[in-house]
Amino acid sequence: MDSSVNLRCPKCGAQMEPIEIAVEGLPIEQLRLCPDCYVVEWNDAKGGHIDQGVPVPKDHLPGGVKSGEA
């Protein structure tokens, strides 16, 4: 990851987690996620971007805990 990239969340200040992208030709670079407030940051040819992500319930994740199993 580029050392000039801010690794702190601009919303809550938590440590951002880099997300590796293995899709060739995808114009997104330096994708980061805040594990606390789900802010997503990324860079592309137009510069830096930020968006508010939404948490997904564990029973909606592949391999996640199913309702009633927890």
PDB file of N, CA and C in Angstrom:
ATOM      1  N   MET A   1       0.845  -1.178   0.000  1.00  0.00           N
ATOM      2  CA  MET A   1       0.000   0.000   0.000  1.00  0.00           C
ATOM      3  C   MET A   1       0.883   1.230   0.000  1.00  0.00           C
ATOM      4  N   ASP A   2       0.489   2.232  -0.746  1.00  0.00           N
ATOM      5  CA  ASP A   2       1.211   3.487  -0.854  1.00  0.00           C
ATOM      6  C   ASP A   2       1.281   4.143   0.525  1.00  0.00           C
ATOM      7  N   SER A   3       2.477   4.546   0.948  1.00  0.00           N
ATOM      8  CA  SER A   3       2.637   5.143   2.274  1.00  0.00           C
ATOM      9  C   SER A   3       1.962   6.502   2.386  1.00  0.00           C
ATOM     10  N   SER A   4       1.574   7.133   1.266  1.00  0.00           N
ATOM     11  CA  SER A   4       0.906   8.428   1.312  1.00  0.00           C
ATOM     12  C   SER A   4      -0.599   8.290   1.564  1.00  0.00           C
ATOM     13  N   VAL A   5      -1.114   7.054   1.581  1.00  0.00           N
ATOM     14  CA  VAL A   5      -2.533   6.812   1.794  1.00  0.00           C
ATOM     15  C   VAL A   5      -2.829   6.880   3.281  1.00  0.00           C
ATOM     16  N   ASN A   6      -3.895   7.615   3.647  1.00  0.00           N
ATOM     17  CA  ASN A   6      -4.302   7.729   5.034  1.00  0.00           C
ATOM     18  C   ASN A   6      -4.929   6.409   5.475  1.00  0.00           C
ATOM     19  N   LEU A   7      -4.393   5.795   6.518  1.00  0.00           N
ATOM     20  CA  LEU A   7      -4.917   4.523   6.988  1.00  0.00           C
ATOM     21  C   LEU A   7      -5.871   4.691   8.169  1.00  0.00           C
ATOM     22  N   ARG A   8      -6.244   5.922   8.506  1.00  0.00           N
ATOM     23  CA  ARG A   8      -7.217   6.197   9.556  1.00  0.00           C
ATOM     24  C   ARG A   8      -8.542   6.605   8.915  1.00  0.00           C
ATOM     25  N   CYS A   9      -9.635   6.132   9.490  1.00  0.00           N
ATOM     26  CA  CYS A   9     -10.959   6.450   8.975  1.00  0.00           C
ATOM     27  C   CYS A   9     -11.243   7.938   9.157  1.00  0.00           C
ATOM     28  N   PRO A  10     -11.698   8.622   8.112  1.00  0.00           N
ATOM     29  CA  PRO A  10     -11.988  10.046   8.230  1.00  0.00           C
ATOM     30  C   PRO A  10     -13.241  10.324   9.065  1.00  0.00           C
ATOM     31  N   LYS A  11     -14.066   9.310   9.295  1.00  0.00           N
ATOM     32  CA  LYS A  11     -15.302   9.496  10.057  1.00  0.00           C
ATOM     33  C   LYS A  11     -15.100   9.242  11.549  1.00  0.00           C
ATOM     34  N   CYS A  12     -14.463   8.097  11.897  1.00  0.00           N
ATOM     35  CA  CYS A  12     -14.354   7.733  13.314  1.00  0.00           C
ATOM     36  C   CYS A  12     -12.915   7.633  13.819  1.00  0.00           C
ATOM     37  N   GLY A  13     -11.932   7.657  12.910  1.00  0.00           N
ATOM     38  CA  GLY A  13     -10.529   7.608  13.306  1.00  0.00           C
ATOM     39  C   GLY A  13      -9.959   6.221  13.515  1.00  0.00           C
ATOM     40  N   ALA A  14     -10.758   5.178  13.300  1.00  0.00           N
ATOM     41  CA  ALA A  14     -10.270   3.809  13.469  1.00  0.00           C
ATOM     42  C   ALA A  14      -9.280   3.455  12.357  1.00  0.00           C
ATOM     43  N   GLN A  15      -8.500   2.424  12.592  1.00  0.00           N
ATOM     44  CA  GLN A  15      -7.546   1.943  11.590  1.00  0.00           C
ATOM     45  C   GLN A  15      -8.309   1.322  10.416  1.00  0.00           C
ATOM     46  N   MET A  16      -8.071   1.828   9.213  1.00  0.00           N
ATOM     47  CA  MET A  16      -8.703   1.282   8.009  1.00  0.00           C
ATOM     48  C   MET A  16      -8.009  -0.025   7.634  1.00  0.00           C
ATOM     49  N   GLU A  17      -8.764  -0.964   7.077  1.00  0.00           N
ATOM     50  CA  GLU A  17      -8.211  -2.243   6.633  1.00  0.00           C
ATOM     51  C   GLU A  17      -8.107  -2.246   5.118  1.00  0.00           C
ATOM     52  N   PRO A  18      -6.908  -2.491   4.571  1.00  0.00           N
ATOM     53  CA  PRO A  18      -6.775  -2.571   3.115  1.00  0.00           C
ATOM     54  C   PRO A  18      -7.477  -3.818   2.590  1.00  0.00           C
ATOM     55  N   ILE A  19      -8.096  -3.710   1.438  1.00  0.00           N
ATOM     56  CA  ILE A  19      -8.774  -4.834   0.798  1.00  0.00           C
ATOM     57  C   ILE A  19      -8.064  -5.113  -0.508  1.00  0.00           C
ATOM     58  N   GLU A  20      -7.557  -6.325  -0.649  1.00  0.00           N
ATOM     59  CA  GLU A  20      -6.860  -6.714  -1.874  1.00  0.00           C
ATOM     60  C   GLU A  20      -7.883  -6.969  -2.977  1.00  0.00           C
ATOM     61  N   ILE A  21      -7.602  -6.457  -4.160  1.00  0.00           N
ATOM     62  CA  ILE A  21      -8.484  -6.643  -5.308  1.00  0.00           C
ATOM     63  C   ILE A  21      -7.753  -7.501  -6.326  1.00  0.00           C
ATOM     64  N   ALA A  22      -8.353  -8.628  -6.701  1.00  0.00           N
ATOM     65  CA  ALA A  22      -7.708  -9.547  -7.628  1.00  0.00           C
ATOM     66  C   ALA A  22      -8.430  -9.588  -8.973  1.00  0.00           C
ATOM     67  N   VAL A  23      -9.037  -8.471  -9.364  1.00  0.00           N
ATOM     68  CA  VAL A  23      -9.748  -8.405 -10.640  1.00  0.00           C
ATOM     69  C   VAL A  23      -8.902  -7.582 -11.599  1.00  0.00           C
ATOM     70  N   GLU A  24      -8.382  -8.241 -12.624  1.00  0.00           N
ATOM     71  CA  GLU A  24      -7.531  -7.559 -13.589  1.00  0.00           C
ATOM     72  C   GLU A  24      -8.341  -6.550 -14.384  1.00  0.00           C
ATOM     73  N   GLY A  25      -7.786  -5.353 -14.547  1.00  0.00           N
ATOM     74  CA  GLY A  25      -8.441  -4.312 -15.329  1.00  0.00           C
ATOM     75  C   GLY A  25      -9.377  -3.436 -14.523  1.00  0.00           C
ATOM     76  N   LEU A  26      -9.612  -3.762 -13.248  1.00  0.00           N
ATOM     77  CA  LEU A  26     -10.465  -2.940 -12.406  1.00  0.00           C
ATOM     78  C   LEU A  26      -9.718  -1.649 -12.091  1.00  0.00           C
ATOM     79  N   PRO A  27     -10.317  -0.493 -12.387  1.00  0.00           N
ATOM     80  CA  PRO A  27      -9.592   0.766 -12.239  1.00  0.00           C
ATOM     81  C   PRO A  27      -9.465   1.262 -10.798  1.00  0.00           C
ATOM     82  N   ILE A  28      -9.897   0.484  -9.821  1.00  0.00           N
ATOM     83  CA  ILE A  28      -9.832   0.895  -8.420  1.00  0.00           C
ATOM     84  C   ILE A  28      -8.490   0.483  -7.831  1.00  0.00           C
ATOM     85  N   GLU A  29      -7.891   1.392  -7.064  1.00  0.00           N
ATOM     86  CA  GLU A  29      -6.643   1.127  -6.369  1.00  0.00           C
ATOM     87  C   GLU A  29      -6.825   1.495  -4.899  1.00  0.00           C
ATOM     88  N   GLN A  30      -6.079   0.859  -4.047  1.00  0.00           N
ATOM     89  CA  GLN A  30      -6.021   1.206  -2.628  1.00  0.00           C
ATOM     90  C   GLN A  30      -7.414   1.234  -1.980  1.00  0.00           C
ATOM     91  N   LEU A  31      -8.158   0.157  -2.120  1.00  0.00           N
ATOM     92  CA  LEU A  31      -9.472   0.010  -1.505  1.00  0.00           C
ATOM     93  C   LEU A  31      -9.284  -0.245  -0.012  1.00  0.00           C
ATOM     94  N   ARG A  32     -10.009   0.514   0.833  1.00  0.00           N
ATOM     95  CA  ARG A  32      -9.882   0.403   2.280  1.00  0.00           C
ATOM     96  C   ARG A  32     -11.268   0.401   2.920  1.00  0.00           C
ATOM     97  N   LEU A  33     -11.407  -0.327   4.030  1.00  0.00           N
ATOM     98  CA  LEU A  33     -12.672  -0.428   4.753  1.00  0.00           C
ATOM     99  C   LEU A  33     -12.439  -0.146   6.220  1.00  0.00           C
ATOM    100  N   CYS A  34     -13.328   0.635   6.834  1.00  0.00           N
ATOM    101  CA  CYS A  34     -13.280   0.849   8.277  1.00  0.00           C
ATOM    102  C   CYS A  34     -14.120  -0.243   8.935  1.00  0.00           C
ATOM    103  N   PRO A  35     -13.509  -1.065   9.798  1.00  0.00           N
ATOM    104  CA  PRO A  35     -14.254  -2.146  10.436  1.00  0.00           C
ATOM    105  C   PRO A  35     -15.227  -1.655  11.510  1.00  0.00           C
ATOM    106  N   ASP A  36     -15.102  -0.413  11.932  1.00  0.00           N
ATOM    107  CA  ASP A  36     -15.972   0.115  12.984  1.00  0.00           C
ATOM    108  C   ASP A  36     -17.232   0.782  12.448  1.00  0.00           C
ATOM    109  N   CYS A  37     -17.087   1.621  11.413  1.00  0.00           N
ATOM    110  CA  CYS A  37     -18.267   2.363  10.917  1.00  0.00           C
ATOM    111  C   CYS A  37     -18.580   2.071   9.449  1.00  0.00           C
ATOM    112  N   TYR A  38     -17.818   1.170   8.815  1.00  0.00           N
ATOM    113  CA  TYR A  38     -18.063   0.685   7.453  1.00  0.00           C
ATOM    114  C   TYR A  38     -17.891   1.747   6.358  1.00  0.00           C
ATOM    115  N   VAL A  39     -17.083   2.768   6.623  1.00  0.00           N
ATOM    116  CA  VAL A  39     -16.733   3.712   5.567  1.00  0.00           C
ATOM    117  C   VAL A  39     -15.799   3.000   4.606  1.00  0.00           C
ATOM    118  N   VAL A  40     -15.996   3.223   3.313  1.00  0.00           N
ATOM    119  CA  VAL A  40     -15.163   2.635   2.278  1.00  0.00           C
ATOM    120  C   VAL A  40     -14.452   3.766   1.543  1.00  0.00           C
ATOM    121  N   GLU A  41     -13.141   3.639   1.369  1.00  0.00           N
ATOM    122  CA  GLU A  41     -12.350   4.615   0.617  1.00  0.00           C
ATOM    123  C   GLU A  41     -11.623   3.889  -0.503  1.00  0.00           C
ATOM    124  N   TRP A  42     -11.447   4.571  -1.635  1.00  0.00           N
ATOM    125  CA  TRP A  42     -10.674   4.004  -2.722  1.00  0.00           C
ATOM    126  C   TRP A  42     -10.142   5.117  -3.602  1.00  0.00           C
ATOM    127  N   ASN A  43      -9.166   4.781  -4.425  1.00  0.00           N
ATOM    128  CA  ASN A  43      -8.582   5.712  -5.389  1.00  0.00           C
ATOM    129  C   ASN A  43      -8.762   5.134  -6.776  1.00  0.00           C
ATOM    130  N   ASP A  44      -8.957   6.021  -7.751  1.00  0.00           N
ATOM    131  CA  ASP A  44      -8.974   5.630  -9.156  1.00  0.00           C
ATOM    132  C   ASP A  44      -8.388   6.772  -9.968  1.00  0.00           C
ATOM    133  N   ALA A  45      -8.538   6.739 -11.261  1.00  0.00           N
ATOM    134  CA  ALA A  45      -7.947   7.757 -12.134  1.00  0.00           C
ATOM    135  C   ALA A  45      -8.468   9.160 -11.838  1.00  0.00           C
ATOM    136  N   LYS A  46      -9.643   9.269 -11.239  1.00  0.00           N
ATOM    137  CA  LYS A  46     -10.236  10.580 -10.927  1.00  0.00           C
ATOM    138  C   LYS A  46      -9.851  11.089  -9.542  1.00  0.00           C
ATOM    139  N   GLY A  47      -9.110  10.276  -8.766  1.00  0.00           N
ATOM    140  CA  GLY A  47      -8.689  10.698  -7.432  1.00  0.00           C
ATOM    141  C   GLY A  47      -9.271   9.833  -6.341  1.00  0.00           C
ATOM    142  N   GLY A  48      -9.348  10.403  -5.128  1.00  0.00           N
ATOM    143  CA  GLY A  48      -9.847   9.668  -3.977  1.00  0.00           C
ATOM    144  C   GLY A  48     -11.355   9.770  -3.835  1.00  0.00           C
ATOM    145  N   HIS A  49     -11.958   8.722  -3.303  1.00  0.00           N
ATOM    146  CA  HIS A  49     -13.407   8.669  -3.107  1.00  0.00           C
ATOM    147  C   HIS A  49     -13.703   8.084  -1.740  1.00  0.00           C
ATOM    148  N   ILE A  50     -14.869   8.406  -1.199  1.00  0.00           N
ATOM    149  CA  ILE A  50     -15.314   7.863   0.078  1.00  0.00           C
ATOM    150  C   ILE A  50     -16.809   7.628  -0.009  1.00  0.00           C
ATOM    151  N   ASP A  51     -17.267   6.544   0.624  1.00  0.00           N
ATOM    152  CA  ASP A  51     -18.692   6.225   0.641  1.00  0.00           C
ATOM    153  C   ASP A  51     -19.014   5.528   1.955  1.00  0.00           C
ATOM    154  N   GLN A  52     -20.248   5.671   2.403  1.00  0.00           N
ATOM    155  CA  GLN A  52     -20.676   4.990   3.623  1.00  0.00           C
ATOM    156  C   GLN A  52     -21.196   3.621   3.270  1.00  0.00           C
ATOM    157  N   GLY A  53     -20.522   2.588   3.764  1.00  0.00           N
ATOM    158  CA  GLY A  53     -20.966   1.223   3.551  1.00  0.00           C
ATOM    159  C   GLY A  53     -22.046   0.845   4.547  1.00  0.00           C
ATOM    160  N   VAL A  54     -22.633  -0.314   4.351  1.00  0.00           N
ATOM    161  CA  VAL A  54     -23.700  -0.820   5.217  1.00  0.00           C
ATOM    162  C   VAL A  54     -23.302  -2.208   5.697  1.00  0.00           C
ATOM    163  N   PRO A  55     -23.370  -2.455   7.004  1.00  0.00           N
ATOM    164  CA  PRO A  55     -23.027  -3.796   7.483  1.00  0.00           C
ATOM    165  C   PRO A  55     -24.029  -4.832   6.991  1.00  0.00           C
ATOM    166  N   VAL A  56     -23.526  -6.026   6.710  1.00  0.00           N
ATOM    167  CA  VAL A  56     -24.372  -7.125   6.248  1.00  0.00           C
ATOM    168  C   VAL A  56     -24.557  -8.089   7.423  1.00  0.00           C
ATOM    169  N   PRO A  57     -25.807  -8.446   7.745  1.00  0.00           N
ATOM    170  CA  PRO A  57     -26.022  -9.398   8.842  1.00  0.00           C
ATOM    171  C   PRO A  57     -25.294 -10.716   8.571  1.00  0.00           C
ATOM    172  N   LYS A  58     -24.767 -11.346   9.627  1.00  0.00           N
ATOM    173  CA  LYS A  58     -23.985 -12.577   9.469  1.00  0.00           C
ATOM    174  C   LYS A  58     -24.767 -13.679   8.769  1.00  0.00           C
ATOM    175  N   ASP A  59     -26.094 -13.712   8.928  1.00  0.00           N
ATOM    176  CA  ASP A  59     -26.862 -14.771   8.274  1.00  0.00           C
ATOM    177  C   ASP A  59     -27.046 -14.537   6.780  1.00  0.00           C
ATOM    178  N   HIS A  60     -26.521 -13.409   6.267  1.00  0.00           N
ATOM    179  CA  HIS A  60     -26.560 -13.132   4.827  1.00  0.00           C
ATOM    180  C   HIS A  60     -25.207 -13.330   4.162  1.00  0.00           C
ATOM    181  N   LEU A  61     -24.179 -13.681   4.947  1.00  0.00           N
ATOM    182  CA  LEU A  61     -22.839 -13.893   4.406  1.00  0.00           C
ATOM    183  C   LEU A  61     -22.634 -15.349   4.047  1.00  0.00           C
ATOM    184  N   PRO A  62     -21.918 -15.626   2.949  1.00  0.00           N
ATOM    185  CA  PRO A  62     -21.593 -17.022   2.635  1.00  0.00           C
ATOM    186  C   PRO A  62     -20.782 -17.622   3.771  1.00  0.00           C
ATOM    187  N   GLY A  63     -21.226 -18.746   4.290  1.00  0.00           N
ATOM    188  CA  GLY A  63     -20.527 -19.403   5.382  1.00  0.00           C
ATOM    189  C   GLY A  63     -20.764 -18.760   6.737  1.00  0.00           C
ATOM    190  N   GLY A  64     -21.655 -17.754   6.803  1.00  0.00           N
ATOM    191  CA  GLY A  64     -21.942 -17.066   8.053  1.00  0.00           C
ATOM    192  C   GLY A  64     -22.878 -17.877   8.935  1.00  0.00           C
ATOM    193  N   VAL A  65     -23.093 -17.397  10.133  1.00  0.00           N
ATOM    194  CA  VAL A  65     -23.987 -18.044  11.075  1.00  0.00           C
ATOM    195  C   VAL A  65     -25.422 -17.906  10.572  1.00  0.00           C
ATOM    196  N   LYS A  66     -26.141 -19.003  10.544  1.00  0.00           N
ATOM    197  CA  LYS A  66     -27.535 -19.000  10.094  1.00  0.00           C
ATOM    198  C   LYS A  66     -28.443 -18.610  11.247  1.00  0.00           C
ATOM    199  N   SER A  67     -29.590 -18.034  10.945  1.00  0.00           N
ATOM    200  CA  SER A  67     -30.549 -17.653  11.977  1.00  0.00           C
ATOM    201  C   SER A  67     -30.910 -18.865  12.826  1.00  0.00           C
ATOM    202  N   GLY A  68     -30.898 -18.682  14.137  1.00  0.00           N
ATOM    203  CA  GLY A  68     -31.255 -19.763  15.047  1.00  0.00           C
ATOM    204  C   GLY A  68     -30.083 -20.655  15.428  1.00  0.00           C
ATOM    205  N   GLU A  69     -28.911 -20.500  14.783  1.00  0.00           N
ATOM    206  CA  GLU A  69     -27.753 -21.347  15.090  1.00  0.00           C
ATOM    207  C   GLU A  69     -26.823 -20.728  16.125  1.00  0.00           C
ATOM    208  N   ALA A  70     -26.945 -19.430  16.372  1.00  0.00           N
ATOM    209  CA  ALA A  70     -26.011 -18.748  17.255  1.00  0.00           C
ATOM    210  C   ALA A  70     -26.272 -19.014  18.709  1.00  0.00           C
TER     211      ALA A  70
END
